[in-house]
Amino acid sequence: LLDVWLSFSESDPKNMEYQRNVAAVYLALGKKKEAIAVLEEAARANPSFKDEAQVYINEIKAGQSLP
């Protein structure tokens, strides 16, 4: 599943839905650092996603799953 979402996100890096899904899969695999890194990179690539990404990052750091 991770490979599928990574492929989608590479084909359209500005698609925030793809980035969220990549982060969610990383999180499901227990890879919090990778999930946060994906969200941080997505926020840099699309500044309008910055606030939403920060909410997700805060949730990850608090031990919650992504919506």
C-alpha atoms as a PDB file:
ATOM      1  CA  LEU A   1       0.000   0.000   0.000  1.00  0.00           C
ATOM      2  CA  LEU A   2       2.846   2.364   0.805  1.00  0.00           C
ATOM      3  CA  ASP A   3       4.373   1.855  -2.629  1.00  0.00           C
ATOM      4  CA  VAL A   4       1.058   2.683  -4.295  1.00  0.00           C
ATOM      5  CA  TRP A   5       0.621   5.959  -2.394  1.00  0.00           C
ATOM      6  CA  LEU A   6       4.276   6.874  -2.878  1.00  0.00           C
ATOM      7  CA  SER A   7       3.823   6.337  -6.613  1.00  0.00           C
ATOM      8  CA  PHE A   8       0.724   8.546  -6.641  1.00  0.00           C
ATOM      9  CA  SER A   9       2.428  11.245  -4.583  1.00  0.00           C
ATOM     10  CA  GLU A  10       5.491  11.224  -6.848  1.00  0.00           C
ATOM     11  CA  SER A  11       3.291  11.593  -9.919  1.00  0.00           C
ATOM     12  CA  ASP A  12       1.451  14.576  -8.383  1.00  0.00           C
ATOM     13  CA  PRO A  13       3.434  16.010  -5.448  1.00  0.00           C
ATOM     14  CA  LYS A  14       1.057  18.944  -5.009  1.00  0.00           C
ATOM     15  CA  ASN A  15      -1.886  16.623  -4.337  1.00  0.00           C
ATOM     16  CA  MET A  16      -2.289  16.918  -0.590  1.00  0.00           C
ATOM     17  CA  GLU A  17      -4.660  13.952  -0.395  1.00  0.00           C
ATOM     18  CA  TYR A  18      -1.848  11.732  -1.664  1.00  0.00           C
ATOM     19  CA  GLN A  19       0.566  13.239   0.856  1.00  0.00           C
ATOM     20  CA  ARG A  20      -1.877  12.685   3.718  1.00  0.00           C
ATOM     21  CA  ASN A  21      -2.336   9.075   2.653  1.00  0.00           C
ATOM     22  CA  VAL A  22       1.419   8.462   2.492  1.00  0.00           C
ATOM     23  CA  ALA A  23       1.732   9.916   6.001  1.00  0.00           C
ATOM     24  CA  ALA A  24      -1.181   7.789   7.227  1.00  0.00           C
ATOM     25  CA  VAL A  25       0.406   4.594   5.901  1.00  0.00           C
ATOM     26  CA  TYR A  26       3.747   5.480   7.498  1.00  0.00           C
ATOM     27  CA  LEU A  27       1.918   6.112  10.751  1.00  0.00           C
ATOM     28  CA  ALA A  28       0.082   2.785  10.494  1.00  0.00           C
ATOM     29  CA  LEU A  29       3.485   1.128  10.063  1.00  0.00           C
ATOM     30  CA  GLY A  30       4.695   2.810  13.247  1.00  0.00           C
ATOM     31  CA  LYS A  31       6.994   5.188  11.369  1.00  0.00           C
ATOM     32  CA  LYS A  32       6.105   8.492  13.005  1.00  0.00           C
ATOM     33  CA  LYS A  33       9.264  10.311  11.888  1.00  0.00           C
ATOM     34  CA  GLU A  34       8.593   9.438   8.257  1.00  0.00           C
ATOM     35  CA  ALA A  35       4.941  10.494   8.540  1.00  0.00           C
ATOM     36  CA  ILE A  36       5.943  13.848   9.986  1.00  0.00           C
ATOM     37  CA  ALA A  37       8.634  14.328   7.326  1.00  0.00           C
ATOM     38  CA  VAL A  38       6.082  13.742   4.551  1.00  0.00           C
ATOM     39  CA  LEU A  39       3.720  16.298   6.064  1.00  0.00           C
ATOM     40  CA  GLU A  40       6.488  18.852   6.550  1.00  0.00           C
ATOM     41  CA  GLU A  41       7.626  18.447   2.947  1.00  0.00           C
ATOM     42  CA  ALA A  42       4.036  18.713   1.714  1.00  0.00           C
ATOM     43  CA  ALA A  43       3.617  21.962   3.659  1.00  0.00           C
ATOM     44  CA  ARG A  44       6.776  23.374   2.068  1.00  0.00           C
ATOM     45  CA  ALA A  45       5.582  22.355  -1.403  1.00  0.00           C
ATOM     46  CA  ASN A  46       2.105  23.785  -0.857  1.00  0.00           C
ATOM     47  CA  PRO A  47       2.038  26.636   1.677  1.00  0.00           C
ATOM     48  CA  SER A  48      -1.770  26.590   1.792  1.00  0.00           C
ATOM     49  CA  PHE A  49      -1.467  23.120   3.385  1.00  0.00           C
ATOM     50  CA  LYS A  50       0.841  24.365   6.161  1.00  0.00           C
ATOM     51  CA  ASP A  51      -1.804  24.860   8.866  1.00  0.00           C
ATOM     52  CA  GLU A  52      -3.515  21.550   8.135  1.00  0.00           C
ATOM     53  CA  ALA A  53      -0.172  19.730   8.088  1.00  0.00           C
ATOM     54  CA  GLN A  54       0.716  21.234  11.459  1.00  0.00           C
ATOM     55  CA  VAL A  55      -2.551  19.952  12.935  1.00  0.00           C
ATOM     56  CA  TYR A  56      -1.715  16.446  11.692  1.00  0.00           C
ATOM     57  CA  ILE A  57       1.860  16.691  12.982  1.00  0.00           C
ATOM     58  CA  ASN A  58       0.582  17.753  16.408  1.00  0.00           C
ATOM     59  CA  GLU A  59      -1.845  14.818  16.416  1.00  0.00           C
ATOM     60  CA  ILE A  60       0.937  12.387  15.530  1.00  0.00           C
ATOM     61  CA  LYS A  61       3.164  13.768  18.288  1.00  0.00           C
ATOM     62  CA  ALA A  62       0.255  13.419  20.735  1.00  0.00           C
ATOM     63  CA  GLY A  63      -0.123   9.762  19.779  1.00  0.00           C
ATOM     64  CA  GLN A  64      -3.281  10.119  17.744  1.00  0.00           C
ATOM     65  CA  SER A  65      -4.002   8.742  14.284  1.00  0.00           C
ATOM     66  CA  LEU A  66      -4.676  10.873  11.233  1.00  0.00           C
ATOM     67  CA  PRO A  67      -8.323  11.536  10.370  1.00  0.00           C
END
